[in-house]
Amino acid sequence: MKLRKFSIDDASLERSPGQEADIFVGNLVDERDGGPITIGYGRYAPHQSLAETMAVDDVMIILEGRVTVSTEAGAVVAGPGDIVHMPTGESVTIRTNEEGALTAYVTYPHWRPAHT
């Protein structure tokens, strides 16, 4: 792998796999690149909700807007500059408010093979 820099304009956003909500993701680095992690962007429309049991360790960096991430143990509200770690096996619900959100993510291992 070589040194690379990315922006949201580099991402080809598609609906999040298995979801009907207006949540779109775009991988920039994944299993096809030969590295151990997936890196990408996520765009959440306003008032969306995503419930999932994490198949991978996921680190989400909030770039714009706000998200609420809930588990059985409680909830956190995260805004621009905040980082949320969702470990493998954790059942989470990610919700946006009227702003929606733009996020960046890093997963280990790759999330796409974990969902197939």
Protein backbone atom coordinates (compact mmCIF):
# COMPACT_ATOMS: atom_id res chain seq x y z
CA MET A 1 0.00 0.00 0.00
CA LYS A 2 1.10 3.56 -0.60
CA LEU A 3 0.46 6.85 1.14
CA ARG A 4 -2.95 8.24 0.17
CA LYS A 5 -5.15 11.19 1.13
CA PHE A 6 -8.94 11.18 0.83
CA SER A 7 -11.86 13.61 0.93
CA ILE A 8 -15.61 13.02 0.80
CA ASP A 9 -15.48 13.80 -2.93
CA ASP A 10 -13.44 10.60 -3.43
CA ALA A 11 -16.16 8.38 -1.96
CA SER A 12 -18.77 6.68 -4.10
CA LEU A 13 -21.64 6.54 -1.60
CA GLU A 14 -24.15 3.68 -1.75
CA ARG A 15 -26.96 2.62 0.57
CA SER A 16 -25.65 0.89 3.66
CA PRO A 17 -25.88 -2.91 3.09
CA GLY A 18 -29.06 -4.50 4.38
CA GLN A 19 -30.63 -1.15 5.32
CA GLU A 20 -33.62 0.75 3.98
CA ALA A 21 -32.82 3.98 5.79
CA ASP A 22 -31.27 6.98 4.03
CA ILE A 23 -27.78 6.02 5.20
CA PHE A 24 -25.02 5.80 2.63
CA VAL A 25 -21.43 4.57 2.91
CA GLY A 26 -18.41 4.73 0.65
CA ASN A 27 -15.31 2.67 1.26
CA LEU A 28 -12.03 4.25 0.21
CA VAL A 29 -9.77 1.45 1.48
CA ASP A 30 -11.03 -2.09 1.98
CA GLU A 31 -10.21 -5.78 1.49
CA ARG A 32 -9.41 -5.15 -2.17
CA ASP A 33 -6.42 -2.98 -1.17
CA GLY A 34 -4.66 -5.71 0.80
CA GLY A 35 -4.54 -3.88 4.14
CA PRO A 36 -6.14 -5.01 7.42
CA ILE A 37 -8.75 -2.21 7.78
CA THR A 38 -11.64 -0.55 5.99
CA ILE A 39 -11.72 3.26 5.78
CA GLY A 40 -14.58 5.32 4.41
CA TYR A 41 -17.28 7.94 4.80
CA GLY A 42 -20.89 7.67 5.89
CA ARG A 43 -23.71 10.11 5.18
CA TYR A 44 -26.85 9.94 7.34
CA ALA A 45 -29.95 11.86 6.27
CA PRO A 46 -31.97 13.64 9.00
CA HIS A 47 -34.05 11.50 11.37
CA GLN A 48 -32.55 8.15 10.41
CA SER A 49 -31.97 5.08 12.55
CA LEU A 50 -29.64 2.11 12.08
CA ALA A 51 -29.77 -0.87 14.47
CA GLU A 52 -26.99 -3.43 14.19
CA THR A 53 -24.93 -5.93 16.13
CA MET A 54 -21.37 -5.03 15.27
CA ALA A 55 -19.64 -7.71 13.19
CA VAL A 56 -16.34 -5.77 13.37
CA ASP A 57 -14.70 -3.17 15.59
CA ASP A 58 -15.90 0.17 14.22
CA VAL A 59 -14.49 3.61 14.95
CA MET A 60 -16.78 6.44 13.78
CA ILE A 61 -15.53 10.03 13.61
CA ILE A 62 -18.29 12.64 13.41
CA LEU A 63 -17.41 15.36 10.87
CA GLU A 64 -20.75 17.19 10.61
CA GLY A 65 -24.06 17.00 12.44
CA ARG A 66 -24.82 14.83 15.46
CA VAL A 67 -25.51 11.16 16.14
CA THR A 68 -26.83 9.36 19.19
CA VAL A 69 -25.41 5.87 19.66
CA SER A 70 -27.37 3.69 22.08
CA THR A 71 -26.64 0.29 23.63
CA GLU A 72 -28.19 -1.63 26.52
CA ALA A 73 -25.69 0.15 28.78
CA GLY A 74 -26.72 3.67 27.77
CA ALA A 75 -26.31 6.28 25.06
CA VAL A 76 -23.78 8.84 23.89
CA VAL A 77 -24.40 11.93 21.77
CA ALA A 78 -21.51 12.76 19.46
CA GLY A 79 -20.89 15.83 17.32
CA PRO A 80 -18.14 17.25 15.11
CA GLY A 81 -14.71 16.11 16.26
CA ASP A 82 -16.04 13.32 18.48
CA ILE A 83 -15.04 9.68 18.05
CA VAL A 84 -17.26 6.71 18.93
CA HIS A 85 -15.88 3.17 19.26
CA MET A 86 -18.37 0.33 18.73
CA PRO A 87 -16.70 -3.01 19.55
CA THR A 88 -17.39 -6.33 17.87
CA GLY A 89 -20.50 -7.99 19.27
CA GLU A 90 -22.06 -4.78 20.67
CA SER A 91 -25.71 -4.18 19.69
CA VAL A 92 -26.02 -0.50 18.78
CA THR A 93 -28.62 1.87 17.44
CA ILE A 94 -27.31 4.95 15.64
CA ARG A 95 -29.79 7.82 15.26
CA THR A 96 -29.56 11.23 13.64
CA ASN A 97 -31.60 14.32 14.43
CA GLU A 98 -32.81 17.08 12.12
CA GLU A 99 -29.24 17.81 10.97
CA GLY A 100 -28.28 14.38 9.71
CA ALA A 101 -24.56 13.60 9.87
CA LEU A 102 -21.38 13.08 7.90
CA THR A 103 -18.97 10.58 9.42
CA ALA A 104 -15.69 8.88 8.65
CA TYR A 105 -15.08 5.32 9.76
CA VAL A 106 -12.33 2.79 10.28
CA THR A 107 -13.16 -0.87 10.86
CA TYR A 108 -11.09 -3.88 11.78
CA PRO A 109 -11.29 -6.27 10.15
CA HIS A 110 -13.09 -5.37 6.93
CA TRP A 111 -16.84 -4.95 7.42
CA ARG A 112 -17.98 -6.05 3.97
CA PRO A 113 -16.70 -9.66 4.28
CA ALA A 114 -18.10 -9.79 7.82
CA HIS A 115 -21.63 -9.17 6.42
CA THR A 116 -21.49 -11.81 3.70
